[in-house]
Amino acid sequence: MTLKALAAADDHRAKCALPILLHPEKYKVCDACHSVSFKHTSICPVCHSYRWRDRVKAVQAVMKIILRRKDPFPVTLGVPPRIMQST
């Protein structure tokens, strides 16, 4: 991936993360895979778990980790951030 593509991915990631960071109370984090989903979701679309962390601080912590990463990983609902892997 070129530097230009990486910069574009960073910009896109920040743009997608903004609504989640502005309104973290509307989202929750899957306990199994750490994906971020809407509060009304009952089963994780990624790993099919039903255990959630719906505290605002949990959502903010996951989003901050995702935004620090320097790979082209997207910030989208239902996609696990893979925060357990080394960066």
PDB file of N, CA and C in Angstrom:
ATOM      1  N   MET A   1       0.837  -1.169   0.000  1.00  0.00           N
ATOM      2  CA  MET A   1       0.000   0.000   0.000  1.00  0.00           C
ATOM      3  C   MET A   1       0.887   1.238   0.000  1.00  0.00           C
ATOM      4  N   THR A   2       0.541   2.206  -0.812  1.00  0.00           N
ATOM      5  CA  THR A   2       1.357   3.416  -0.925  1.00  0.00           C
ATOM      6  C   THR A   2       1.103   4.356   0.255  1.00  0.00           C
ATOM      7  N   LEU A   3       1.994   5.307   0.424  1.00  0.00           N
ATOM      8  CA  LEU A   3       1.832   6.290   1.492  1.00  0.00           C
ATOM      9  C   LEU A   3       0.572   7.129   1.289  1.00  0.00           C
ATOM     10  N   LYS A   4       0.258   7.402   0.038  1.00  0.00           N
ATOM     11  CA  LYS A   4      -0.951   8.179  -0.255  1.00  0.00           C
ATOM     12  C   LYS A   4      -2.196   7.390   0.143  1.00  0.00           C
ATOM     13  N   ALA A   5      -2.196   6.100  -0.136  1.00  0.00           N
ATOM     14  CA  ALA A   5      -3.335   5.254   0.229  1.00  0.00           C
ATOM     15  C   ALA A   5      -3.452   5.118   1.742  1.00  0.00           C
ATOM     16  N   LEU A   6      -2.313   5.020   2.437  1.00  0.00           N
ATOM     17  CA  LEU A   6      -2.342   4.958   3.897  1.00  0.00           C
ATOM     18  C   LEU A   6      -2.883   6.246   4.498  1.00  0.00           C
ATOM     19  N   ALA A   7      -2.496   7.381   3.938  1.00  0.00           N
ATOM     20  CA  ALA A   7      -3.009   8.663   4.419  1.00  0.00           C
ATOM     21  C   ALA A   7      -4.515   8.761   4.179  1.00  0.00           C
ATOM     22  N   ALA A   8      -4.958   8.299   3.018  1.00  0.00           N
ATOM     23  CA  ALA A   8      -6.394   8.304   2.724  1.00  0.00           C
ATOM     24  C   ALA A   8      -7.149   7.388   3.680  1.00  0.00           C
ATOM     25  N   ALA A   9      -6.551   6.245   4.014  1.00  0.00           N
ATOM     26  CA  ALA A   9      -7.185   5.319   4.960  1.00  0.00           C
ATOM     27  C   ALA A   9      -7.285   5.952   6.346  1.00  0.00           C
ATOM     28  N   ASP A  10      -6.231   6.663   6.767  1.00  0.00           N
ATOM     29  CA  ASP A  10      -6.269   7.357   8.052  1.00  0.00           C
ATOM     30  C   ASP A  10      -7.365   8.413   8.083  1.00  0.00           C
ATOM     31  N   ASP A  11      -7.488   9.179   6.993  1.00  0.00           N
ATOM     32  CA  ASP A  11      -8.531  10.206   6.917  1.00  0.00           C
ATOM     33  C   ASP A  11      -9.921   9.578   6.973  1.00  0.00           C
ATOM     34  N   HIS A  12     -10.097   8.485   6.245  1.00  0.00           N
ATOM     35  CA  HIS A  12     -11.390   7.807   6.228  1.00  0.00           C
ATOM     36  C   HIS A  12     -11.715   7.231   7.608  1.00  0.00           C
ATOM     37  N   ARG A  13     -10.723   6.660   8.257  1.00  0.00           N
ATOM     38  CA  ARG A  13     -10.915   6.088   9.594  1.00  0.00           C
ATOM     39  C   ARG A  13     -11.343   7.175  10.576  1.00  0.00           C
ATOM     40  N   ALA A  14     -10.695   8.321  10.536  1.00  0.00           N
ATOM     41  CA  ALA A  14     -11.037   9.417  11.442  1.00  0.00           C
ATOM     42  C   ALA A  14     -12.446   9.938  11.163  1.00  0.00           C
ATOM     43  N   LYS A  15     -12.810  10.034   9.886  1.00  0.00           N
ATOM     44  CA  LYS A  15     -14.140  10.509   9.513  1.00  0.00           C
ATOM     45  C   LYS A  15     -15.226   9.549   9.995  1.00  0.00           C
ATOM     46  N   CYS A  16     -14.965   8.256   9.900  1.00  0.00           N
ATOM     47  CA  CYS A  16     -15.941   7.259  10.356  1.00  0.00           C
ATOM     48  C   CYS A  16     -16.022   7.193  11.877  1.00  0.00           C
ATOM     49  N   ALA A  17     -14.934   7.478  12.549  1.00  0.00           N
ATOM     50  CA  ALA A  17     -14.900   7.405  14.012  1.00  0.00           C
ATOM     51  C   ALA A  17     -15.564   8.605  14.667  1.00  0.00           C
ATOM     52  N   LEU A  18     -15.641   9.709  13.966  1.00  0.00           N
ATOM     53  CA  LEU A  18     -16.164  10.933  14.560  1.00  0.00           C
ATOM     54  C   LEU A  18     -17.574  10.781  15.136  1.00  0.00           C
ATOM     55  N   PRO A  19     -18.551  10.215  14.408  1.00  0.00           N
ATOM     56  CA  PRO A  19     -19.883  10.072  14.997  1.00  0.00           C
ATOM     57  C   PRO A  19     -19.896   9.183  16.244  1.00  0.00           C
ATOM     58  N   ILE A  20     -19.041   8.171  16.263  1.00  0.00           N
ATOM     59  CA  ILE A  20     -18.986   7.272  17.420  1.00  0.00           C
ATOM     60  C   ILE A  20     -18.383   7.998  18.611  1.00  0.00           C
ATOM     61  N   LEU A  21     -17.348   8.792  18.385  1.00  0.00           N
ATOM     62  CA  LEU A  21     -16.724   9.535  19.475  1.00  0.00           C
ATOM     63  C   LEU A  21     -17.607  10.675  19.975  1.00  0.00           C
ATOM     64  N   LEU A  22     -18.407  11.267  19.094  1.00  0.00           N
ATOM     65  CA  LEU A  22     -19.295  12.355  19.505  1.00  0.00           C
ATOM     66  C   LEU A  22     -20.498  11.852  20.291  1.00  0.00           C
ATOM     67  N   HIS A  23     -20.954  10.644  19.996  1.00  0.00           N
ATOM     68  CA  HIS A  23     -22.137  10.078  20.653  1.00  0.00           C
ATOM     69  C   HIS A  23     -21.884   8.634  21.083  1.00  0.00           C
ATOM     70  N   PRO A  24     -20.934   8.403  21.976  1.00  0.00           N
ATOM     71  CA  PRO A  24     -20.626   7.024  22.374  1.00  0.00           C
ATOM     72  C   PRO A  24     -21.771   6.350  23.122  1.00  0.00           C
ATOM     73  N   GLU A  25     -22.704   7.132  23.627  1.00  0.00           N
ATOM     74  CA  GLU A  25     -23.837   6.543  24.342  1.00  0.00           C
ATOM     75  C   GLU A  25     -24.777   5.772  23.418  1.00  0.00           C
ATOM     76  N   LYS A  26     -24.630   5.941  22.114  1.00  0.00           N
ATOM     77  CA  LYS A  26     -25.467   5.229  21.137  1.00  0.00           C
ATOM     78  C   LYS A  26     -24.869   3.885  20.715  1.00  0.00           C
ATOM     79  N   TYR A  27     -23.685   3.551  21.241  1.00  0.00           N
ATOM     80  CA  TYR A  27     -22.965   2.368  20.802  1.00  0.00           C
ATOM     81  C   TYR A  27     -22.585   1.483  21.976  1.00  0.00           C
ATOM     82  N   LYS A  28     -22.156   0.269  21.667  1.00  0.00           N
ATOM     83  CA  LYS A  28     -21.651  -0.656  22.677  1.00  0.00           C
ATOM     84  C   LYS A  28     -20.555  -1.511  22.049  1.00  0.00           C
ATOM     85  N   VAL A  29     -19.779  -2.176  22.914  1.00  0.00           N
ATOM     86  CA  VAL A  29     -18.626  -2.955  22.477  1.00  0.00           C
ATOM     87  C   VAL A  29     -18.872  -4.427  22.782  1.00  0.00           C
ATOM     88  N   CYS A  30     -18.608  -5.288  21.818  1.00  0.00           N
ATOM     89  CA  CYS A  30     -18.750  -6.730  22.018  1.00  0.00           C
ATOM     90  C   CYS A  30     -17.662  -7.218  22.963  1.00  0.00           C
ATOM     91  N   ASP A  31     -18.039  -8.005  23.952  1.00  0.00           N
ATOM     92  CA  ASP A  31     -17.059  -8.539  24.907  1.00  0.00           C
ATOM     93  C   ASP A  31     -16.140  -9.576  24.275  1.00  0.00           C
ATOM     94  N   ALA A  32     -16.599 -10.244  23.229  1.00  0.00           N
ATOM     95  CA  ALA A  32     -15.808 -11.323  22.631  1.00  0.00           C
ATOM     96  C   ALA A  32     -14.800 -10.809  21.605  1.00  0.00           C
ATOM     97  N   CYS A  33     -15.237  -9.952  20.675  1.00  0.00           N
ATOM     98  CA  CYS A  33     -14.333  -9.543  19.586  1.00  0.00           C
ATOM     99  C   CYS A  33     -14.017  -8.054  19.586  1.00  0.00           C
ATOM    100  N   HIS A  34     -14.610  -7.288  20.499  1.00  0.00           N
ATOM    101  CA  HIS A  34     -14.366  -5.853  20.649  1.00  0.00           C
ATOM    102  C   HIS A  34     -14.835  -5.018  19.465  1.00  0.00           C
ATOM    103  N   SER A  35     -15.805  -5.514  18.702  1.00  0.00           N
ATOM    104  CA  SER A  35     -16.355  -4.685  17.635  1.00  0.00           C
ATOM    105  C   SER A  35     -17.329  -3.686  18.242  1.00  0.00           C
ATOM    106  N   VAL A  36     -17.507  -2.576  17.572  1.00  0.00           N
ATOM    107  CA  VAL A  36     -18.409  -1.523  18.029  1.00  0.00           C
ATOM    108  C   VAL A  36     -19.682  -1.616  17.213  1.00  0.00           C
ATOM    109  N   SER A  37     -20.816  -1.651  17.899  1.00  0.00           N
ATOM    110  CA  SER A  37     -22.112  -1.765  17.228  1.00  0.00           C
ATOM    111  C   SER A  37     -23.103  -0.816  17.875  1.00  0.00           C
ATOM    112  N   PHE A  38     -24.232  -0.611  17.187  1.00  0.00           N
ATOM    113  CA  PHE A  38     -25.296   0.206  17.752  1.00  0.00           C
ATOM    114  C   PHE A  38     -25.852  -0.446  19.009  1.00  0.00           C
ATOM    115  N   LYS A  39     -26.381   0.362  19.906  1.00  0.00           N
ATOM    116  CA  LYS A  39     -26.929  -0.140  21.172  1.00  0.00           C
ATOM    117  C   LYS A  39     -28.066  -1.129  20.963  1.00  0.00           C
ATOM    118  N   HIS A  40     -28.869  -0.945  19.917  1.00  0.00           N
ATOM    119  CA  HIS A  40     -30.032  -1.813  19.734  1.00  0.00           C
ATOM    120  C   HIS A  40     -29.675  -3.200  19.191  1.00  0.00           C
ATOM    121  N   THR A  41     -28.422  -3.432  18.841  1.00  0.00           N
ATOM    122  CA  THR A  41     -27.983  -4.732  18.349  1.00  0.00           C
ATOM    123  C   THR A  41     -28.000  -5.742  19.494  1.00  0.00           C
ATOM    124  N   SER A  42     -28.576  -6.911  19.256  1.00  0.00           N
ATOM    125  CA  SER A  42     -28.629  -7.908  20.330  1.00  0.00           C
ATOM    126  C   SER A  42     -27.553  -8.980  20.175  1.00  0.00           C
ATOM    127  N   ILE A  43     -27.195  -9.321  18.937  1.00  0.00           N
ATOM    128  CA  ILE A  43     -26.167 -10.327  18.673  1.00  0.00           C
ATOM    129  C   ILE A  43     -25.084  -9.685  17.816  1.00  0.00           C
ATOM    130  N   CYS A  44     -23.837  -9.909  18.183  1.00  0.00           N
ATOM    131  CA  CYS A  44     -22.721  -9.312  17.448  1.00  0.00           C
ATOM    132  C   CYS A  44     -22.725  -9.810  15.999  1.00  0.00           C
ATOM    133  N   PRO A  45     -22.673  -8.897  15.031  1.00  0.00           N
ATOM    134  CA  PRO A  45     -22.666  -9.305  13.628  1.00  0.00           C
ATOM    135  C   PRO A  45     -21.364  -9.979  13.192  1.00  0.00           C
ATOM    136  N   VAL A  46     -20.305  -9.837  13.981  1.00  0.00           N
ATOM    137  CA  VAL A  46     -19.017 -10.420  13.625  1.00  0.00           C
ATOM    138  C   VAL A  46     -18.850 -11.813  14.214  1.00  0.00           C
ATOM    139  N   CYS A  47     -19.034 -11.935  15.527  1.00  0.00           N
ATOM    140  CA  CYS A  47     -18.723 -13.207  16.194  1.00  0.00           C
ATOM    141  C   CYS A  47     -19.958 -13.902  16.776  1.00  0.00           C
ATOM    142  N   HIS A  48     -21.116 -13.268  16.660  1.00  0.00           N
ATOM    143  CA  HIS A  48     -22.397 -13.821  17.126  1.00  0.00           C
ATOM    144  C   HIS A  48     -22.473 -13.969  18.642  1.00  0.00           C
ATOM    145  N   SER A  49     -21.695 -13.207  19.346  1.00  0.00           N
ATOM    146  CA  SER A  49     -21.762 -13.196  20.806  1.00  0.00           C
ATOM    147  C   SER A  49     -22.963 -12.353  21.236  1.00  0.00           C
ATOM    148  N   TYR A  50     -23.383 -12.534  22.451  1.00  0.00           N
ATOM    149  CA  TYR A  50     -24.487 -11.747  22.985  1.00  0.00           C
ATOM    150  C   TYR A  50     -24.075 -10.995  24.245  1.00  0.00           C
ATOM    151  N   ARG A  51     -22.796 -10.917  24.499  1.00  0.00           N
ATOM    152  CA  ARG A  51     -22.288 -10.202  25.675  1.00  0.00           C
ATOM    153  C   ARG A  51     -21.699  -8.868  25.234  1.00  0.00           C
ATOM    154  N   TRP A  52     -22.123  -7.813  25.914  1.00  0.00           N
ATOM    155  CA  TRP A  52     -21.757  -6.468  25.503  1.00  0.00           C
ATOM    156  C   TRP A  52     -21.281  -5.638  26.679  1.00  0.00           C
ATOM    157  N   ARG A  53     -20.476  -4.653  26.377  1.00  0.00           N
ATOM    158  CA  ARG A  53     -20.133  -3.586  27.320  1.00  0.00           C
ATOM    159  C   ARG A  53     -20.775  -2.329  26.746  1.00  0.00           C
ATOM    160  N   ASP A  54     -21.701  -1.779  27.480  1.00  0.00           N
ATOM    161  CA  ASP A  54     -22.393  -0.606  26.945  1.00  0.00           C
ATOM    162  C   ASP A  54     -22.029   0.686  27.670  1.00  0.00           C
ATOM    163  N   ARG A  55     -20.962   0.623  28.463  1.00  0.00           N
ATOM    164  CA  ARG A  55     -20.501   1.841  29.120  1.00  0.00           C
ATOM    165  C   ARG A  55     -19.830   2.765  28.110  1.00  0.00           C
ATOM    166  N   VAL A  56     -20.043   4.029  28.276  1.00  0.00           N
ATOM    167  CA  VAL A  56     -19.467   5.035  27.380  1.00  0.00           C
ATOM    168  C   VAL A  56     -17.943   4.947  27.382  1.00  0.00           C
ATOM    169  N   LYS A  57     -17.351   4.728  28.552  1.00  0.00           N
ATOM    170  CA  LYS A  57     -15.886   4.664  28.635  1.00  0.00           C
ATOM    171  C   LYS A  57     -15.325   3.490  27.842  1.00  0.00           C
ATOM    172  N   ALA A  58     -16.038   2.376  27.781  1.00  0.00           N
ATOM    173  CA  ALA A  58     -15.575   1.220  27.006  1.00  0.00           C
ATOM    174  C   ALA A  58     -15.565   1.539  25.518  1.00  0.00           C
ATOM    175  N   VAL A  59     -16.619   2.178  25.043  1.00  0.00           N
ATOM    176  CA  VAL A  59     -16.690   2.566  23.623  1.00  0.00           C
ATOM    177  C   VAL A  59     -15.576   3.549  23.294  1.00  0.00           C
ATOM    178  N   GLN A  60     -15.376   4.538  24.139  1.00  0.00           N
ATOM    179  CA  GLN A  60     -14.330   5.525  23.895  1.00  0.00           C
ATOM    180  C   GLN A  60     -12.946   4.890  23.899  1.00  0.00           C
ATOM    181  N   ALA A  61     -12.702   3.959  24.795  1.00  0.00           N
ATOM    182  CA  ALA A  61     -11.390   3.310  24.875  1.00  0.00           C
ATOM    183  C   ALA A  61     -11.093   2.520  23.604  1.00  0.00           C
ATOM    184  N   VAL A  62     -12.062   1.765  23.116  1.00  0.00           N
ATOM    185  CA  VAL A  62     -11.861   0.988  21.887  1.00  0.00           C
ATOM    186  C   VAL A  62     -11.628   1.917  20.698  1.00  0.00           C
ATOM    187  N   MET A  63     -12.391   2.996  20.619  1.00  0.00           N
ATOM    188  CA  MET A  63     -12.224   3.916  19.491  1.00  0.00           C
ATOM    189  C   MET A  63     -10.862   4.598  19.533  1.00  0.00           C
ATOM    190  N   LYS A  64     -10.366   4.935  20.700  1.00  0.00           N
ATOM    191  CA  LYS A  64      -9.044   5.561  20.795  1.00  0.00           C
ATOM    192  C   LYS A  64      -7.948   4.601  20.349  1.00  0.00           C
ATOM    193  N   ILE A  65      -8.093   3.339  20.687  1.00  0.00           N
ATOM    194  CA  ILE A  65      -7.121   2.335  20.258  1.00  0.00           C
ATOM    195  C   ILE A  65      -7.154   2.194  18.736  1.00  0.00           C
ATOM    196  N   ILE A  66      -8.349   2.150  18.176  1.00  0.00           N
ATOM    197  CA  ILE A  66      -8.482   2.015  16.723  1.00  0.00           C
ATOM    198  C   ILE A  66      -7.845   3.212  16.018  1.00  0.00           C
ATOM    199  N   LEU A  67      -8.080   4.409  16.522  1.00  0.00           N
ATOM    200  CA  LEU A  67      -7.554   5.607  15.863  1.00  0.00           C
ATOM    201  C   LEU A  67      -6.039   5.730  15.970  1.00  0.00           C
ATOM    202  N   ARG A  68      -5.427   5.104  16.978  1.00  0.00           N
ATOM    203  CA  ARG A  68      -3.967   5.139  17.115  1.00  0.00           C
ATOM    204  C   ARG A  68      -3.263   4.218  16.131  1.00  0.00           C
ATOM    205  N   ARG A  69      -3.966   3.227  15.635  1.00  0.00           N
ATOM    206  CA  ARG A  69      -3.335   2.246  14.743  1.00  0.00           C
ATOM    207  C   ARG A  69      -2.889   2.911  13.447  1.00  0.00           C
ATOM    208  N   LYS A  70      -1.815   2.423  12.885  1.00  0.00           N
ATOM    209  CA  LYS A  70      -1.273   2.990  11.659  1.00  0.00           C
ATOM    210  C   LYS A  70      -1.346   2.006  10.497  1.00  0.00           C
ATOM    211  N   ASP A  71      -2.396   1.221  10.455  1.00  0.00           N
ATOM    212  CA  ASP A  71      -2.629   0.342   9.309  1.00  0.00           C
ATOM    213  C   ASP A  71      -3.968   0.722   8.701  1.00  0.00           C
ATOM    214  N   PRO A  72      -4.293   0.235   7.536  1.00  0.00           N
ATOM    215  CA  PRO A  72      -5.522   0.666   6.867  1.00  0.00           C
ATOM    216  C   PRO A  72      -6.788  -0.002   7.394  1.00  0.00           C
ATOM    217  N   PHE A  73      -6.827  -0.296   8.688  1.00  0.00           N
ATOM    218  CA  PHE A  73      -8.014  -0.941   9.251  1.00  0.00           C
ATOM    219  C   PHE A  73      -9.159   0.057   9.325  1.00  0.00           C
ATOM    220  N   PRO A  74     -10.314  -0.279   8.798  1.00  0.00           N
ATOM    221  CA  PRO A  74     -11.423   0.676   8.782  1.00  0.00           C
ATOM    222  C   PRO A  74     -12.132   0.765  10.130  1.00  0.00           C
ATOM    223  N   VAL A  75     -12.732   1.892  10.382  1.00  0.00           N
ATOM    224  CA  VAL A  75     -13.614   2.050  11.534  1.00  0.00           C
ATOM    225  C   VAL A  75     -15.030   1.949  10.996  1.00  0.00           C
ATOM    226  N   THR A  76     -15.600   0.798  11.123  1.00  0.00           N
ATOM    227  CA  THR A  76     -16.975   0.598  10.681  1.00  0.00           C
ATOM    228  C   THR A  76     -17.694  -0.206  11.733  1.00  0.00           C
ATOM    229  N   LEU A  77     -18.981  -0.070  11.785  1.00  0.00           N
ATOM    230  CA  LEU A  77     -19.756  -0.830  12.752  1.00  0.00           C
ATOM    231  C   LEU A  77     -19.722  -2.301  12.379  1.00  0.00           C
ATOM    232  N   GLY A  78     -19.557  -3.123  13.366  1.00  0.00           N
ATOM    233  CA  GLY A  78     -19.584  -4.561  13.141  1.00  0.00           C
ATOM    234  C   GLY A  78     -18.271  -5.159  12.696  1.00  0.00           C
ATOM    235  N   VAL A  79     -17.205  -4.381  12.695  1.00  0.00           N
ATOM    236  CA  VAL A  79     -15.902  -4.903  12.302  1.00  0.00           C
ATOM    237  C   VAL A  79     -15.013  -4.903  13.538  1.00  0.00           C
ATOM    238  N   PRO A  80     -14.443  -6.046  13.909  1.00  0.00           N
ATOM    239  CA  PRO A  80     -13.633  -6.076  15.118  1.00  0.00           C
ATOM    240  C   PRO A  80     -12.347  -5.278  14.952  1.00  0.00           C
ATOM    241  N   PRO A  81     -11.963  -4.505  15.944  1.00  0.00           N
ATOM    242  CA  PRO A  81     -10.766  -3.685  15.836  1.00  0.00           C
ATOM    243  C   PRO A  81      -9.465  -4.437  16.024  1.00  0.00           C
ATOM    244  N   ARG A  82      -9.521  -5.694  16.439  1.00  0.00           N
ATOM    245  CA  ARG A  82      -8.321  -6.510  16.651  1.00  0.00           C
ATOM    246  C   ARG A  82      -7.351  -5.802  17.579  1.00  0.00           C
ATOM    247  N   ILE A  83      -7.854  -5.326  18.707  1.00  0.00           N
ATOM    248  CA  ILE A  83      -7.004  -4.575  19.630  1.00  0.00           C
ATOM    249  C   ILE A  83      -6.061  -5.463  20.411  1.00  0.00           C
ATOM    250  N   MET A  84      -6.256  -6.770  20.365  1.00  0.00           N
ATOM    251  CA  MET A  84      -5.386  -7.659  21.099  1.00  0.00           C
ATOM    252  C   MET A  84      -4.093  -7.957  20.344  1.00  0.00           C
ATOM    253  N   GLN A  85      -4.036  -7.649  19.053  1.00  0.00           N
ATOM    254  CA  GLN A  85      -2.832  -7.879  18.274  1.00  0.00           C
ATOM    255  C   GLN A  85      -1.850  -6.757  18.540  1.00  0.00           C
ATOM    256  N   SER A  86      -0.592  -7.067  18.438  1.00  0.00           N
ATOM    257  CA  SER A  86       0.424  -6.036  18.622  1.00  0.00           C
ATOM    258  C   SER A  86       0.429  -5.106  17.413  1.00  0.00           C
ATOM    259  N   THR A  87       0.723  -3.833  17.651  1.00  0.00           N
ATOM    260  CA  THR A  87       0.727  -2.870  16.554  1.00  0.00           C
ATOM    261  C   THR A  87       2.125  -2.506  16.160  1.00  0.00           C
TER     262      THR A  87
END
